[in-house]
């Protein structure tokens, strides 16, 4: 069998080869539809290999064949991860990392860098190699940091939002502010506020989030509309998100093989039945409300009207996300979005 892209013969054991979904030489994925890999599950599976074997020695040189046999037993949705780890095993990456297990951090970093170069010189994409090495170093407890040249968490300029609070109660110790700086983050072709609004709006009731650091929850009622307040001035191009904006954001996150809710959630404070957030883009969606069953969630006002009031986009602690038709007298956070300028 030959790879259709690099044209190299894939001379591997048939029991392994028949399960491959990616070429071990160039990393080209063979046409096969696979379910997504859940965040954190690969490290958990690797740790289970080690626990079942009796320790991290499964990654050593003398046990490389045992490690390969363990990998082959993995089933979907681990097909893609298995291929990456099998390729790493071909290049002796687990064994090389294991050899510096008891060495100082600088030597561990040097070996991780060496393994990264080994895999990329093999014709594999850099992000492919980084991800695979990160899985292994995380489980072994080896120090390795790689410069992130990907789409994640790029630092962007802050945006200034003006608010007329002359007629609002100001609880701060200093003089009332009229201009606030907010951090931003990029997700695909959109720039988002990376923090919830957290100032008083005249004529609009607001509550603190479950942690005051996470901003305010603004009440949408019959006589007040926090999404259309004339007391807030945002720079040109910024807007309250539409449902289409949210779908565009979700489509981009899914295109990166990431879980939408997990990628948007902050890396801390989410407790319950869901996974820890990865905050891949710096959106930092902290939990802002507690539901009647005690679980956590955060809601963001959208600009469209629903059946009874304005719509909201909600992220739940169970790693789900929903669009809601909110009743009047409901509370939610506010974020703004704008289209990114072409680079």
C-alpha atoms as a PDB file:
ATOM      1  CA  UNK A   1       0.000   0.000   0.000  1.00  0.00           C
ATOM      2  CA  UNK A   2       1.284   3.492  -0.912  1.00  0.00           C
ATOM      3  CA  UNK A   3       0.445   6.911   0.461  1.00  0.00           C
ATOM      4  CA  UNK A   4      -1.289   8.868  -2.288  1.00  0.00           C
ATOM      5  CA  UNK A   5       0.488  12.094  -1.312  1.00  0.00           C
ATOM      6  CA  UNK A   6       4.122  11.184  -0.585  1.00  0.00           C
ATOM      7  CA  UNK A   7       3.992   7.918  -2.599  1.00  0.00           C
ATOM      8  CA  UNK A   8       5.962   6.001   0.034  1.00  0.00           C
ATOM      9  CA  UNK A   9       5.355   2.325   0.644  1.00  0.00           C
ATOM     10  CA  UNK A  10       3.701   1.743   4.000  1.00  0.00           C
ATOM     11  CA  UNK A  11       5.620  -1.327   5.057  1.00  0.00           C
ATOM     12  CA  UNK A  12       4.238  -1.882   8.530  1.00  0.00           C
ATOM     13  CA  UNK A  13       2.707  -4.823  10.293  1.00  0.00           C
ATOM     14  CA  UNK A  14      -0.675  -5.465   8.687  1.00  0.00           C
ATOM     15  CA  UNK A  15      -2.511  -5.513  12.021  1.00  0.00           C
ATOM     16  CA  UNK A  16      -1.316  -1.937  12.615  1.00  0.00           C
ATOM     17  CA  UNK A  17      -1.528  -0.688   9.056  1.00  0.00           C
ATOM     18  CA  UNK A  18      -5.152  -1.648   8.539  1.00  0.00           C
ATOM     19  CA  UNK A  19      -6.140   0.639  11.399  1.00  0.00           C
ATOM     20  CA  UNK A  20      -4.072   3.653  10.291  1.00  0.00           C
ATOM     21  CA  UNK A  21      -5.971   6.764   9.303  1.00  0.00           C
ATOM     22  CA  UNK A  22      -2.864   8.897   8.670  1.00  0.00           C
ATOM     23  CA  UNK A  23       0.357   8.350   6.734  1.00  0.00           C
ATOM     24  CA  UNK A  24       3.223   7.911   9.251  1.00  0.00           C
ATOM     25  CA  UNK A  25       5.618   9.684   6.861  1.00  0.00           C
ATOM     26  CA  UNK A  26       3.793  12.850   5.815  1.00  0.00           C
ATOM     27  CA  UNK A  27       0.857  12.953   8.240  1.00  0.00           C
ATOM     28  CA  UNK A  28      -1.765  13.052   5.487  1.00  0.00           C
ATOM     29  CA  UNK A  29      -5.031  11.713   6.823  1.00  0.00           C
ATOM     30  CA  UNK A  30      -6.687   8.952   4.873  1.00  0.00           C
ATOM     31  CA  UNK A  31     -10.369   9.463   4.066  1.00  0.00           C
ATOM     32  CA  UNK A  32     -12.176   8.176   7.099  1.00  0.00           C
ATOM     33  CA  UNK A  33     -14.823   9.908   9.191  1.00  0.00           C
ATOM     34  CA  UNK A  34     -14.071   9.771  12.909  1.00  0.00           C
ATOM     35  CA  UNK A  35     -15.806  11.141  15.969  1.00  0.00           C
ATOM     36  CA  UNK A  36     -13.901  13.922  17.766  1.00  0.00           C
ATOM     37  CA  UNK A  37     -11.431  13.099  20.529  1.00  0.00           C
ATOM     38  CA  UNK A  38     -12.534  14.518  23.846  1.00  0.00           C
ATOM     39  CA  UNK A  39     -10.102  16.820  25.626  1.00  0.00           C
ATOM     40  CA  UNK A  40      -8.027  15.052  28.259  1.00  0.00           C
ATOM     41  CA  UNK A  41      -8.945  11.505  27.270  1.00  0.00           C
ATOM     42  CA  UNK A  42      -5.661  10.707  25.496  1.00  0.00           C
ATOM     43  CA  UNK A  43      -3.569  11.533  28.554  1.00  0.00           C
ATOM     44  CA  UNK A  44      -5.973   9.489  30.657  1.00  0.00           C
ATOM     45  CA  UNK A  45      -5.576   6.518  28.323  1.00  0.00           C
ATOM     46  CA  UNK A  46      -1.774   6.800  28.376  1.00  0.00           C
ATOM     47  CA  UNK A  47      -1.809   6.969  32.160  1.00  0.00           C
ATOM     48  CA  UNK A  48      -3.975   3.856  32.224  1.00  0.00           C
ATOM     49  CA  UNK A  49      -1.381   2.054  30.056  1.00  0.00           C
ATOM     50  CA  UNK A  50       1.266   2.964  32.602  1.00  0.00           C
ATOM     51  CA  UNK A  51      -0.894   2.009  35.598  1.00  0.00           C
ATOM     52  CA  UNK A  52      -1.807  -1.359  34.070  1.00  0.00           C
ATOM     53  CA  UNK A  53       1.853  -2.034  33.294  1.00  0.00           C
ATOM     54  CA  UNK A  54       3.010  -1.030  36.752  1.00  0.00           C
ATOM     55  CA  UNK A  55       4.647   2.296  36.004  1.00  0.00           C
ATOM     56  CA  UNK A  56       6.064   4.649  33.406  1.00  0.00           C
ATOM     57  CA  UNK A  57       8.551   1.962  32.330  1.00  0.00           C
ATOM     58  CA  UNK A  58       6.104   1.085  29.561  1.00  0.00           C
ATOM     59  CA  UNK A  59       7.576   4.075  27.693  1.00  0.00           C
ATOM     60  CA  UNK A  60      11.152   2.773  27.987  1.00  0.00           C
ATOM     61  CA  UNK A  61      13.229   1.342  25.158  1.00  0.00           C
ATOM     62  CA  UNK A  62      12.904  -2.267  26.303  1.00  0.00           C
ATOM     63  CA  UNK A  63       9.124  -1.997  26.492  1.00  0.00           C
ATOM     64  CA  UNK A  64       8.482  -0.167  23.208  1.00  0.00           C
ATOM     65  CA  UNK A  65       6.867  -3.243  21.637  1.00  0.00           C
ATOM     66  CA  UNK A  66       4.551  -3.583  24.662  1.00  0.00           C
ATOM     67  CA  UNK A  67       3.589   0.071  24.242  1.00  0.00           C
ATOM     68  CA  UNK A  68       2.850  -0.480  20.539  1.00  0.00           C
ATOM     69  CA  UNK A  69       0.642  -3.478  21.295  1.00  0.00           C
ATOM     70  CA  UNK A  70      -1.271  -1.431  23.865  1.00  0.00           C
ATOM     71  CA  UNK A  71      -1.835   1.356  21.333  1.00  0.00           C
ATOM     72  CA  UNK A  72      -3.148  -1.001  18.674  1.00  0.00           C
ATOM     73  CA  UNK A  73      -5.944  -2.072  21.028  1.00  0.00           C
ATOM     74  CA  UNK A  74      -7.361   1.455  21.129  1.00  0.00           C
ATOM     75  CA  UNK A  75     -10.665   1.877  19.336  1.00  0.00           C
ATOM     76  CA  UNK A  76     -12.559   4.893  17.984  1.00  0.00           C
ATOM     77  CA  UNK A  77     -12.622   7.747  18.836  1.00  0.00           C
ATOM     78  CA  UNK A  78      -8.898   7.208  19.499  1.00  0.00           C
ATOM     79  CA  UNK A  79      -7.973   6.273  15.919  1.00  0.00           C
ATOM     80  CA  UNK A  80      -6.291   9.588  15.121  1.00  0.00           C
ATOM     81  CA  UNK A  81      -4.506   9.750  18.475  1.00  0.00           C
ATOM     82  CA  UNK A  82      -3.318   6.179  18.079  1.00  0.00           C
ATOM     83  CA  UNK A  83      -1.785   6.958  14.701  1.00  0.00           C
ATOM     84  CA  UNK A  84       0.076   9.942  16.085  1.00  0.00           C
ATOM     85  CA  UNK A  85       1.427   7.933  19.005  1.00  0.00           C
ATOM     86  CA  UNK A  86       2.429   5.029  16.748  1.00  0.00           C
ATOM     87  CA  UNK A  87       4.360   7.437  14.544  1.00  0.00           C
ATOM     88  CA  UNK A  88       6.034   8.865  17.667  1.00  0.00           C
ATOM     89  CA  UNK A  89       6.954   5.334  18.702  1.00  0.00           C
ATOM     90  CA  UNK A  90       8.511   4.697  15.280  1.00  0.00           C
ATOM     91  CA  UNK A  91      10.785   7.685  15.939  1.00  0.00           C
ATOM     92  CA  UNK A  92      11.473   6.464  19.523  1.00  0.00           C
ATOM     93  CA  UNK A  93      10.010   9.671  20.965  1.00  0.00           C
ATOM     94  CA  UNK A  94       8.471   8.028  24.090  1.00  0.00           C
ATOM     95  CA  UNK A  95      11.753   6.226  24.779  1.00  0.00           C
ATOM     96  CA  UNK A  96      13.840   9.374  24.373  1.00  0.00           C
ATOM     97  CA  UNK A  97      11.561  11.351  26.676  1.00  0.00           C
ATOM     98  CA  UNK A  98      11.602   8.540  29.236  1.00  0.00           C
ATOM     99  CA  UNK A  99      15.418   8.632  29.232  1.00  0.00           C
ATOM    100  CA  UNK A 100      15.409  12.164  30.724  1.00  0.00           C
ATOM    101  CA  UNK A 101      12.703  11.454  33.291  1.00  0.00           C
ATOM    102  CA  UNK A 102      15.080  12.098  36.210  1.00  0.00           C
ATOM    103  CA  UNK A 103      17.106  14.849  34.534  1.00  0.00           C
ATOM    104  CA  UNK A 104      16.924  18.621  35.236  1.00  0.00           C
ATOM    105  CA  UNK A 105      14.223  20.659  33.500  1.00  0.00           C
ATOM    106  CA  UNK A 106      16.641  22.209  30.998  1.00  0.00           C
ATOM    107  CA  UNK A 107      17.688  18.750  29.777  1.00  0.00           C
ATOM    108  CA  UNK A 108      14.061  17.642  29.588  1.00  0.00           C
ATOM    109  CA  UNK A 109      13.269  20.714  27.479  1.00  0.00           C
ATOM    110  CA  UNK A 110      16.244  20.036  25.203  1.00  0.00           C
ATOM    111  CA  UNK A 111      15.074  16.462  24.630  1.00  0.00           C
ATOM    112  CA  UNK A 112      11.509  17.629  23.933  1.00  0.00           C
ATOM    113  CA  UNK A 113      12.854  20.126  21.383  1.00  0.00           C
ATOM    114  CA  UNK A 114      14.997  17.386  19.832  1.00  0.00           C
ATOM    115  CA  UNK A 115      11.973  15.083  19.535  1.00  0.00           C
ATOM    116  CA  UNK A 116       9.946  17.894  17.970  1.00  0.00           C
ATOM    117  CA  UNK A 117      12.653  18.412  15.330  1.00  0.00           C
ATOM    118  CA  UNK A 118      12.831  14.656  14.765  1.00  0.00           C
ATOM    119  CA  UNK A 119       9.132  14.407  14.050  1.00  0.00           C
ATOM    120  CA  UNK A 120       8.917  17.497  11.854  1.00  0.00           C
ATOM    121  CA  UNK A 121      11.993  16.427   9.859  1.00  0.00           C
ATOM    122  CA  UNK A 122      10.109  13.175   9.307  1.00  0.00           C
ATOM    123  CA  UNK A 123       7.627  15.228   7.291  1.00  0.00           C
ATOM    124  CA  UNK A 124       4.954  15.659   9.957  1.00  0.00           C
ATOM    125  CA  UNK A 125       3.139  18.978  10.544  1.00  0.00           C
ATOM    126  CA  UNK A 126       4.533  20.876  13.529  1.00  0.00           C
ATOM    127  CA  UNK A 127       1.200  21.077  15.367  1.00  0.00           C
ATOM    128  CA  UNK A 128       0.815  17.302  14.896  1.00  0.00           C
ATOM    129  CA  UNK A 129       4.224  16.790  16.540  1.00  0.00           C
ATOM    130  CA  UNK A 130       3.644  19.306  19.339  1.00  0.00           C
ATOM    131  CA  UNK A 131       0.343  17.742  20.315  1.00  0.00           C
ATOM    132  CA  UNK A 132       1.793  14.225  20.414  1.00  0.00           C
ATOM    133  CA  UNK A 133       4.844  15.204  22.455  1.00  0.00           C
ATOM    134  CA  UNK A 134       2.638  17.198  24.824  1.00  0.00           C
ATOM    135  CA  UNK A 135       0.510  14.115  25.531  1.00  0.00           C
ATOM    136  CA  UNK A 136       3.599  12.112  26.477  1.00  0.00           C
ATOM    137  CA  UNK A 137       5.361  14.792  28.528  1.00  0.00           C
ATOM    138  CA  UNK A 138       2.170  15.521  30.450  1.00  0.00           C
ATOM    139  CA  UNK A 139       1.755  11.883  31.497  1.00  0.00           C
ATOM    140  CA  UNK A 140       5.455  11.414  32.324  1.00  0.00           C
ATOM    141  CA  UNK A 141       5.640  14.687  34.222  1.00  0.00           C
ATOM    142  CA  UNK A 142       8.418  15.987  31.986  1.00  0.00           C
ATOM    143  CA  UNK A 143       8.983  19.714  31.557  1.00  0.00           C
ATOM    144  CA  UNK A 144       8.368  20.900  27.976  1.00  0.00           C
ATOM    145  CA  UNK A 145       7.169  24.208  26.637  1.00  0.00           C
ATOM    146  CA  UNK A 146       6.789  25.059  22.963  1.00  0.00           C
ATOM    147  CA  UNK A 147       6.259  28.487  21.470  1.00  0.00           C
ATOM    148  CA  UNK A 148       2.649  28.636  20.363  1.00  0.00           C
ATOM    149  CA  UNK A 149       2.459  29.783  16.762  1.00  0.00           C
ATOM    150  CA  UNK A 150      -1.072  28.523  16.295  1.00  0.00           C
ATOM    151  CA  UNK A 151      -4.421  30.295  16.304  1.00  0.00           C
ATOM    152  CA  UNK A 152      -4.751  30.081  20.074  1.00  0.00           C
ATOM    153  CA  UNK A 153      -4.637  32.931  22.579  1.00  0.00           C
ATOM    154  CA  UNK A 154      -3.024  35.614  20.472  1.00  0.00           C
ATOM    155  CA  UNK A 155      -2.684  38.802  22.462  1.00  0.00           C
ATOM    156  CA  UNK A 156      -4.702  41.617  20.910  1.00  0.00           C
ATOM    157  CA  UNK A 157      -5.255  45.280  21.710  1.00  0.00           C
ATOM    158  CA  UNK A 158      -7.744  46.321  24.343  1.00  0.00           C
ATOM    159  CA  UNK A 159     -10.918  48.152  23.343  1.00  0.00           C
ATOM    160  CA  UNK A 160     -12.256  51.230  25.129  1.00  0.00           C
ATOM    161  CA  UNK A 161     -15.959  51.304  26.020  1.00  0.00           C
ATOM    162  CA  UNK A 162     -17.485  54.551  27.237  1.00  0.00           C
ATOM    163  CA  UNK A 163     -20.432  54.724  29.589  1.00  0.00           C
ATOM    164  CA  UNK A 164     -22.422  57.626  30.952  1.00  0.00           C
ATOM    165  CA  UNK A 165     -22.803  56.790  34.624  1.00  0.00           C
ATOM    166  CA  UNK A 166     -23.458  60.348  35.790  1.00  0.00           C
ATOM    167  CA  UNK A 167     -27.001  59.297  36.703  1.00  0.00           C
ATOM    168  CA  UNK A 168     -26.027  55.908  38.122  1.00  0.00           C
ATOM    169  CA  UNK A 169     -24.953  55.026  41.617  1.00  0.00           C
ATOM    170  CA  UNK A 170     -21.198  54.597  41.769  1.00  0.00           C
ATOM    171  CA  UNK A 171     -19.863  52.372  44.528  1.00  0.00           C
ATOM    172  CA  UNK A 172     -16.169  52.802  43.755  1.00  0.00           C
ATOM    173  CA  UNK A 173     -13.782  54.600  46.088  1.00  0.00           C
ATOM    174  CA  UNK A 174     -12.450  56.893  43.367  1.00  0.00           C
ATOM    175  CA  UNK A 175     -14.164  59.320  41.027  1.00  0.00           C
ATOM    176  CA  UNK A 176     -16.704  57.745  38.650  1.00  0.00           C
ATOM    177  CA  UNK A 177     -15.116  56.248  35.556  1.00  0.00           C
ATOM    178  CA  UNK A 178     -16.471  57.047  32.132  1.00  0.00           C
ATOM    179  CA  UNK A 179     -14.148  54.860  30.036  1.00  0.00           C
ATOM    180  CA  UNK A 180     -13.214  51.224  30.550  1.00  0.00           C
ATOM    181  CA  UNK A 181     -10.529  49.105  28.860  1.00  0.00           C
ATOM    182  CA  UNK A 182     -11.536  45.571  27.924  1.00  0.00           C
ATOM    183  CA  UNK A 183      -9.235  42.775  26.701  1.00  0.00           C
ATOM    184  CA  UNK A 184     -10.066  41.101  23.409  1.00  0.00           C
ATOM    185  CA  UNK A 185      -9.469  37.721  21.791  1.00  0.00           C
ATOM    186  CA  UNK A 186      -9.646  36.408  18.255  1.00  0.00           C
ATOM    187  CA  UNK A 187     -11.725  33.402  17.187  1.00  0.00           C
ATOM    188  CA  UNK A 188     -11.527  32.800  13.451  1.00  0.00           C
ATOM    189  CA  UNK A 189     -12.497  35.971  11.633  1.00  0.00           C
ATOM    190  CA  UNK A 190     -14.022  37.599  14.710  1.00  0.00           C
ATOM    191  CA  UNK A 191     -12.673  39.705  17.569  1.00  0.00           C
ATOM    192  CA  UNK A 192     -14.523  39.252  20.870  1.00  0.00           C
ATOM    193  CA  UNK A 193     -14.420  40.964  24.231  1.00  0.00           C
ATOM    194  CA  UNK A 194     -12.497  38.603  26.496  1.00  0.00           C
ATOM    195  CA  UNK A 195     -14.303  39.836  29.610  1.00  0.00           C
ATOM    196  CA  UNK A 196     -17.922  40.539  30.587  1.00  0.00           C
ATOM    197  CA  UNK A 197     -19.138  44.109  31.023  1.00  0.00           C
ATOM    198  CA  UNK A 198     -18.873  45.079  34.668  1.00  0.00           C
ATOM    199  CA  UNK A 199     -20.110  48.652  35.091  1.00  0.00           C
ATOM    200  CA  UNK A 200     -23.477  50.092  36.150  1.00  0.00           C
ATOM    201  CA  UNK A 201     -25.908  51.071  33.377  1.00  0.00           C
ATOM    202  CA  UNK A 202     -28.457  53.749  34.174  1.00  0.00           C
ATOM    203  CA  UNK A 203     -32.007  52.388  34.280  1.00  0.00           C
ATOM    204  CA  UNK A 204     -30.910  48.744  34.123  1.00  0.00           C
ATOM    205  CA  UNK A 205     -30.885  46.431  37.110  1.00  0.00           C
ATOM    206  CA  UNK A 206     -27.720  44.394  37.515  1.00  0.00           C
ATOM    207  CA  UNK A 207     -26.472  41.666  39.817  1.00  0.00           C
ATOM    208  CA  UNK A 208     -22.969  40.498  40.550  1.00  0.00           C
ATOM    209  CA  UNK A 209     -21.943  37.192  38.986  1.00  0.00           C
ATOM    210  CA  UNK A 210     -21.283  34.344  41.429  1.00  0.00           C
ATOM    211  CA  UNK A 211     -17.804  35.873  41.622  1.00  0.00           C
ATOM    212  CA  UNK A 212     -17.734  39.703  41.288  1.00  0.00           C
ATOM    213  CA  UNK A 213     -14.504  39.435  39.280  1.00  0.00           C
ATOM    214  CA  UNK A 214     -16.478  37.884  36.399  1.00  0.00           C
ATOM    215  CA  UNK A 215     -18.556  40.988  35.701  1.00  0.00           C
ATOM    216  CA  UNK A 216     -22.234  41.761  36.006  1.00  0.00           C
ATOM    217  CA  UNK A 217     -25.522  40.100  35.061  1.00  0.00           C
ATOM    218  CA  UNK A 218     -27.851  42.638  33.439  1.00  0.00           C
ATOM    219  CA  UNK A 219     -31.623  42.324  33.760  1.00  0.00           C
ATOM    220  CA  UNK A 220     -33.826  42.450  30.685  1.00  0.00           C
ATOM    221  CA  UNK A 221     -37.289  43.636  31.753  1.00  0.00           C
ATOM    222  CA  UNK A 222     -40.373  45.273  30.285  1.00  0.00           C
ATOM    223  CA  UNK A 223     -39.019  48.732  31.027  1.00  0.00           C
ATOM    224  CA  UNK A 224     -35.262  48.282  30.549  1.00  0.00           C
ATOM    225  CA  UNK A 225     -33.156  46.829  27.779  1.00  0.00           C
ATOM    226  CA  UNK A 226     -29.466  46.431  28.655  1.00  0.00           C
ATOM    227  CA  UNK A 227     -28.629  45.446  25.078  1.00  0.00           C
ATOM    228  CA  UNK A 228     -29.758  48.771  23.622  1.00  0.00           C
ATOM    229  CA  UNK A 229     -28.828  51.258  26.322  1.00  0.00           C
ATOM    230  CA  UNK A 230     -28.061  54.740  25.056  1.00  0.00           C
ATOM    231  CA  UNK A 231     -25.698  55.182  27.991  1.00  0.00           C
ATOM    232  CA  UNK A 232     -23.068  52.829  26.491  1.00  0.00           C
ATOM    233  CA  UNK A 233     -20.838  53.898  23.605  1.00  0.00           C
ATOM    234  CA  UNK A 234     -18.843  51.200  21.847  1.00  0.00           C
ATOM    235  CA  UNK A 235     -16.288  51.805  19.061  1.00  0.00           C
ATOM    236  CA  UNK A 236     -17.360  51.614  15.437  1.00  0.00           C
ATOM    237  CA  UNK A 237     -17.638  48.079  14.124  1.00  0.00           C
ATOM    238  CA  UNK A 238     -18.437  46.505  17.470  1.00  0.00           C
ATOM    239  CA  UNK A 239     -21.904  45.066  18.069  1.00  0.00           C
ATOM    240  CA  UNK A 240     -23.940  42.851  20.322  1.00  0.00           C
ATOM    241  CA  UNK A 241     -23.618  39.348  18.822  1.00  0.00           C
ATOM    242  CA  UNK A 242     -26.335  37.814  16.683  1.00  0.00           C
ATOM    243  CA  UNK A 243     -27.107  34.122  16.603  1.00  0.00           C
ATOM    244  CA  UNK A 244     -25.286  34.039  13.257  1.00  0.00           C
ATOM    245  CA  UNK A 245     -22.174  35.463  14.952  1.00  0.00           C
ATOM    246  CA  UNK A 246     -22.303  32.623  17.480  1.00  0.00           C
ATOM    247  CA  UNK A 247     -22.706  30.035  14.722  1.00  0.00           C
ATOM    248  CA  UNK A 248     -19.707  31.489  12.864  1.00  0.00           C
ATOM    249  CA  UNK A 249     -17.663  31.239  16.048  1.00  0.00           C
ATOM    250  CA  UNK A 250     -18.777  27.661  16.678  1.00  0.00           C
ATOM    251  CA  UNK A 251     -18.061  26.612  13.092  1.00  0.00           C
ATOM    252  CA  UNK A 252     -14.488  27.870  13.381  1.00  0.00           C
ATOM    253  CA  UNK A 253     -13.895  26.116  16.704  1.00  0.00           C
ATOM    254  CA  UNK A 254     -15.257  22.852  15.293  1.00  0.00           C
ATOM    255  CA  UNK A 255     -13.037  23.262  12.205  1.00  0.00           C
ATOM    256  CA  UNK A 256     -10.050  23.085  14.586  1.00  0.00           C
ATOM    257  CA  UNK A 257     -11.322  19.743  15.944  1.00  0.00           C
ATOM    258  CA  UNK A 258     -12.136  21.328  19.288  1.00  0.00           C
ATOM    259  CA  UNK A 259     -15.151  21.097  21.563  1.00  0.00           C
ATOM    260  CA  UNK A 260     -17.037  24.406  21.510  1.00  0.00           C
ATOM    261  CA  UNK A 261     -18.085  24.647  25.158  1.00  0.00           C
ATOM    262  CA  UNK A 262     -14.796  23.279  26.518  1.00  0.00           C
ATOM    263  CA  UNK A 263     -12.728  25.644  24.355  1.00  0.00           C
ATOM    264  CA  UNK A 264     -14.698  28.709  25.470  1.00  0.00           C
ATOM    265  CA  UNK A 265     -14.818  27.832  29.177  1.00  0.00           C
ATOM    266  CA  UNK A 266     -12.185  29.247  31.535  1.00  0.00           C
ATOM    267  CA  UNK A 267      -9.532  26.863  32.814  1.00  0.00           C
ATOM    268  CA  UNK A 268     -10.789  27.131  36.387  1.00  0.00           C
ATOM    269  CA  UNK A 269     -13.975  27.489  38.456  1.00  0.00           C
ATOM    270  CA  UNK A 270     -16.085  25.044  36.426  1.00  0.00           C
ATOM    271  CA  UNK A 271     -17.178  22.212  38.692  1.00  0.00           C
ATOM    272  CA  UNK A 272     -19.633  19.398  38.199  1.00  0.00           C
ATOM    273  CA  UNK A 273     -20.196  16.738  35.586  1.00  0.00           C
ATOM    274  CA  UNK A 274     -18.364  18.519  32.759  1.00  0.00           C
ATOM    275  CA  UNK A 275     -14.715  18.684  31.803  1.00  0.00           C
ATOM    276  CA  UNK A 276     -12.309  21.404  32.804  1.00  0.00           C
ATOM    277  CA  UNK A 277     -12.302  24.265  30.320  1.00  0.00           C
ATOM    278  CA  UNK A 278      -9.291  24.701  28.039  1.00  0.00           C
ATOM    279  CA  UNK A 279      -9.850  28.401  27.183  1.00  0.00           C
ATOM    280  CA  UNK A 280      -8.090  27.833  23.855  1.00  0.00           C
ATOM    281  CA  UNK A 281      -8.734  31.320  22.482  1.00  0.00           C
ATOM    282  CA  UNK A 282      -8.698  33.447  25.636  1.00  0.00           C
ATOM    283  CA  UNK A 283     -12.488  33.925  25.596  1.00  0.00           C
ATOM    284  CA  UNK A 284     -12.447  33.046  29.321  1.00  0.00           C
ATOM    285  CA  UNK A 285     -16.113  32.213  29.862  1.00  0.00           C
ATOM    286  CA  UNK A 286     -16.227  31.898  33.651  1.00  0.00           C
ATOM    287  CA  UNK A 287     -19.370  30.481  35.288  1.00  0.00           C
ATOM    288  CA  UNK A 288     -21.612  33.400  36.205  1.00  0.00           C
ATOM    289  CA  UNK A 289     -24.839  31.797  37.413  1.00  0.00           C
ATOM    290  CA  UNK A 290     -25.959  28.764  39.363  1.00  0.00           C
ATOM    291  CA  UNK A 291     -28.970  26.808  38.154  1.00  0.00           C
ATOM    292  CA  UNK A 292     -31.710  25.438  40.400  1.00  0.00           C
ATOM    293  CA  UNK A 293     -30.021  22.015  40.485  1.00  0.00           C
ATOM    294  CA  UNK A 294     -26.750  23.583  41.653  1.00  0.00           C
ATOM    295  CA  UNK A 295     -24.930  23.226  38.327  1.00  0.00           C
ATOM    296  CA  UNK A 296     -23.062  26.159  36.793  1.00  0.00           C
ATOM    297  CA  UNK A 297     -23.634  28.096  33.601  1.00  0.00           C
ATOM    298  CA  UNK A 298     -23.025  31.426  31.907  1.00  0.00           C
ATOM    299  CA  UNK A 299     -25.420  33.347  29.645  1.00  0.00           C
ATOM    300  CA  UNK A 300     -24.739  36.060  27.078  1.00  0.00           C
ATOM    301  CA  UNK A 301     -27.399  38.372  25.640  1.00  0.00           C
ATOM    302  CA  UNK A 302     -27.883  38.256  21.863  1.00  0.00           C
ATOM    303  CA  UNK A 303     -29.364  41.031  19.763  1.00  0.00           C
ATOM    304  CA  UNK A 304     -32.342  39.197  18.256  1.00  0.00           C
ATOM    305  CA  UNK A 305     -35.789  38.941  19.748  1.00  0.00           C
ATOM    306  CA  UNK A 306     -37.078  35.548  20.687  1.00  0.00           C
ATOM    307  CA  UNK A 307     -40.604  34.369  21.371  1.00  0.00           C
ATOM    308  CA  UNK A 308     -40.930  36.212  24.672  1.00  0.00           C
ATOM    309  CA  UNK A 309     -37.911  38.497  24.936  1.00  0.00           C
ATOM    310  CA  UNK A 310     -34.324  38.638  23.766  1.00  0.00           C
ATOM    311  CA  UNK A 311     -32.305  35.560  22.950  1.00  0.00           C
ATOM    312  CA  UNK A 312     -29.311  34.338  24.921  1.00  0.00           C
ATOM    313  CA  UNK A 313     -26.401  32.013  24.211  1.00  0.00           C
ATOM    314  CA  UNK A 314     -25.614  29.791  27.195  1.00  0.00           C
ATOM    315  CA  UNK A 315     -22.682  27.558  28.118  1.00  0.00           C
ATOM    316  CA  UNK A 316     -23.405  24.836  30.674  1.00  0.00           C
ATOM    317  CA  UNK A 317     -21.145  23.003  33.110  1.00  0.00           C
ATOM    318  CA  UNK A 318     -22.022  19.764  31.292  1.00  0.00           C
ATOM    319  CA  UNK A 319     -20.037  21.093  28.282  1.00  0.00           C
ATOM    320  CA  UNK A 320     -23.223  21.736  26.325  1.00  0.00           C
ATOM    321  CA  UNK A 321     -24.276  25.043  24.806  1.00  0.00           C
ATOM    322  CA  UNK A 322     -27.795  26.188  23.984  1.00  0.00           C
ATOM    323  CA  UNK A 323     -29.720  29.105  22.547  1.00  0.00           C
ATOM    324  CA  UNK A 324     -32.513  30.263  24.838  1.00  0.00           C
ATOM    325  CA  UNK A 325     -35.622  32.385  24.487  1.00  0.00           C
ATOM    326  CA  UNK A 326     -35.316  34.311  27.735  1.00  0.00           C
ATOM    327  CA  UNK A 327     -38.307  35.437  29.741  1.00  0.00           C
ATOM    328  CA  UNK A 328     -38.561  39.043  30.852  1.00  0.00           C
ATOM    329  CA  UNK A 329     -36.838  39.783  34.149  1.00  0.00           C
ATOM    330  CA  UNK A 330     -34.001  37.403  33.242  1.00  0.00           C
ATOM    331  CA  UNK A 331     -30.314  38.165  33.770  1.00  0.00           C
ATOM    332  CA  UNK A 332     -27.346  37.559  31.476  1.00  0.00           C
ATOM    333  CA  UNK A 333     -23.886  38.936  30.704  1.00  0.00           C
ATOM    334  CA  UNK A 334     -22.888  41.179  27.814  1.00  0.00           C
ATOM    335  CA  UNK A 335     -20.013  40.699  25.362  1.00  0.00           C
ATOM    336  CA  UNK A 336     -19.439  42.547  22.100  1.00  0.00           C
ATOM    337  CA  UNK A 337     -17.960  41.259  18.843  1.00  0.00           C
ATOM    338  CA  UNK A 338     -16.615  42.720  15.614  1.00  0.00           C
ATOM    339  CA  UNK A 339     -15.325  41.351  12.326  1.00  0.00           C
ATOM    340  CA  UNK A 340     -11.539  40.983  12.211  1.00  0.00           C
ATOM    341  CA  UNK A 341      -9.707  43.064   9.681  1.00  0.00           C
ATOM    342  CA  UNK A 342      -8.043  41.134   6.896  1.00  0.00           C
ATOM    343  CA  UNK A 343      -4.363  40.588   7.632  1.00  0.00           C
END
